C-alpha atoms as a PDB file:
ATOM      1  CA  MET A   1      93.070  19.780  91.363  1.00  0.00           C
ATOM      2  CA  LEU A   2      94.444  20.913  94.970  1.00  0.00           C
ATOM      3  CA  GLU A   3      92.324  23.841  94.635  1.00  0.00           C
ATOM      4  CA  GLN A   4      89.339  21.795  94.007  1.00  0.00           C
ATOM      5  CA  ILE A   5      90.102  19.596  97.105  1.00  0.00           C
ATOM      6  CA  LYS A   6      90.490  22.588  99.332  1.00  0.00           C
ATOM      7  CA  THR A   7      87.357  24.425  98.273  1.00  0.00           C
ATOM      8  CA  SER A   8      84.870  21.787  97.122  1.00  0.00           C
ATOM      9  CA  GLY A   9      84.206  19.749 100.382  1.00  0.00           C
ATOM     10  CA  LYS A  10      84.288  16.665  98.325  1.00  0.00           C
ATOM     11  CA  PRO A  11      86.624  13.626  99.908  1.00  0.00           C
ATOM     12  CA  VAL A  12      90.266  13.735  98.597  1.00  0.00           C
ATOM     13  CA  ALA A  13      89.794  10.155  97.680  1.00  0.00           C
ATOM     14  CA  GLN A  14      87.278  10.944  95.392  1.00  0.00           C
ATOM     15  CA  ILE A  15      88.720  13.924  93.504  1.00  0.00           C
ATOM     16  CA  ALA A  16      92.063  11.881  93.059  1.00  0.00           C
ATOM     17  CA  ASN A  17      90.013   8.960  91.454  1.00  0.00           C
ATOM     18  CA  GLU A  18      88.539  11.456  89.352  1.00  0.00           C
ATOM     19  CA  TYR A  19      91.767  12.733  88.152  1.00  0.00           C
ATOM     20  CA  GLY A  20      93.280   9.218  88.271  1.00  0.00           C
ATOM     21  CA  ILE A  21      96.151  10.196  90.659  1.00  0.00           C
ATOM     22  CA  ASN A  22      97.232   7.899  93.396  1.00  0.00           C
ATOM     23  CA  LEU A  23      95.763   8.953  96.730  1.00  0.00           C
ATOM     24  CA  LYS A  24      99.292   9.119  98.639  1.00  0.00           C
ATOM     25  CA  SER A  25     100.638  11.367  95.963  1.00  0.00           C
ATOM     26  CA  VAL A  26      97.845  13.794  96.510  1.00  0.00           C
ATOM     27  CA  TYR A  27      98.226  14.100 100.016  1.00  0.00           C
ATOM     28  CA  ASN A  28     102.012  14.315  99.753  1.00  0.00           C
ATOM     29  CA  TRP A  29     101.229  17.360  97.234  1.00  0.00           C
ATOM     30  CA  LEU A  30      98.913  18.791  99.747  1.00  0.00           C
ATOM     31  CA  ARG A  31     101.191  18.578 102.739  1.00  0.00           C
ATOM     32  CA  SER A  32     104.047  20.296 100.890  1.00  0.00           C
ATOM     33  CA  ASP A  33     101.409  22.929  99.440  1.00  0.00           C
ATOM     34  CA  VAL A  34      99.495  23.736 102.221  1.00  0.00           C
ATOM     35  CA  PRO A  35     100.347  24.600 105.873  1.00  0.00           C
ATOM     36  CA  LYS A  36      99.892  21.965 108.617  1.00  0.00           C
ATOM     37  CA  SER A  37      97.030  23.920 110.437  1.00  0.00           C
ATOM     38  CA  ASN A  38      94.690  23.957 107.749  1.00  0.00           C
ATOM     39  CA  PRO A  39      91.291  22.596 108.802  1.00  0.00           C
ATOM     40  CA  ILE A  40      90.219  21.900 105.363  1.00  0.00           C
ATOM     41  CA  LEU A  41      92.963  19.540 104.770  1.00  0.00           C
ATOM     42  CA  GLU A  42      92.571  17.926 108.018  1.00  0.00           C
ATOM     43  CA  THR A  43      88.952  17.815 107.460  1.00  0.00           C
ATOM     44  CA  ASN A  44      89.410  15.981 103.818  1.00  0.00           C
ATOM     45  CA  ARG A  45      92.084  13.557 105.417  1.00  0.00           C
ATOM     46  CA  LEU A  46      90.062  12.489 108.392  1.00  0.00           C
ATOM     47  CA  ARG A  47      87.072  11.992 105.527  1.00  0.00           C
ATOM     48  CA  GLY A  48      89.395   9.770 103.329  1.00  0.00           C
ATOM     49  CA  GLN A  49      90.340   7.813 106.447  1.00  0.00           C
ATOM     50  CA  ASN A  50      86.753   7.243 107.467  1.00  0.00           C
ATOM     51  CA  GLU A  51      85.730   6.199 103.989  1.00  0.00           C
ATOM     52  CA  GLU A  52      88.338   3.648 104.029  1.00  0.00           C
ATOM     53  CA  LEU A  53      87.174   2.418 107.687  1.00  0.00           C
ATOM     54  CA  VAL A  54      83.642   2.182 106.849  1.00  0.00           C
ATOM     55  CA  LYS A  55      84.502   0.062 103.691  1.00  0.00           C
ATOM     56  CA  LEU A  56      86.804  -2.289 105.798  1.00  0.00           C
ATOM     57  CA  PHE A  57      84.238  -2.394 108.447  1.00  0.00           C
ATOM     58  CA  SER A  58      81.429  -3.445 105.992  1.00  0.00           C
ATOM     59  CA  GLU A  59      83.511  -6.154 104.269  1.00  0.00           C
ATOM     60  CA  LEU A  60      84.276  -7.651 107.567  1.00  0.00           C
ATOM     61  CA  THR A  61      81.009  -7.742 108.893  1.00  0.00           C
ATOM     62  CA  TYR A  62      79.887  -9.253 105.384  1.00  0.00           C
ATOM     63  CA  ASP A  63      82.674 -12.085 105.954  1.00  0.00           C
ATOM     64  CA  LEU A  64      81.494 -12.625 109.562  1.00  0.00           C
ATOM     65  CA  LYS A  65      77.752 -13.003 108.556  1.00  0.00           C
ATOM     66  CA  LYS A  66      78.814 -15.387 105.743  1.00  0.00           C
ATOM     67  CA  LYS A  67      80.827 -17.586 108.006  1.00  0.00           C
ATOM     68  CA  ARG A  68      78.206 -17.735 110.558  1.00  0.00           C
ATOM     69  CA  LYS A  69      75.862 -19.001 107.928  1.00  0.00           C
ATOM     70  CA  VAL A  70      78.463 -21.778 106.744  1.00  0.00           C
ATOM     71  CA  TYR A  71      78.992 -22.917 110.572  1.00  0.00           C
ATOM     72  CA  GLY A  72      75.288 -22.480 111.462  1.00  0.00           C
ATOM     73  CA  HIS A  73      75.636 -19.623 113.864  1.00  0.00           C
ATOM     74  CA  LYS A  74      73.434 -16.923 114.295  1.00  0.00           C
END
């Protein structure tokens, strides 16, 4: 799994989910297995964070639009 993360270009979260493994555990394994300066690890870490932020932003935007409808705001 770690090799797939390093070479596939897929987000770490996606691969962890495919294997049914906790994302934090995967990152801990990667940190202990790979030197800190590995750009693939950093790219995958940032990609995972970006996915989480996009999801959170989407949820917050949806909630805000929903509340605006309820209270009659545009």
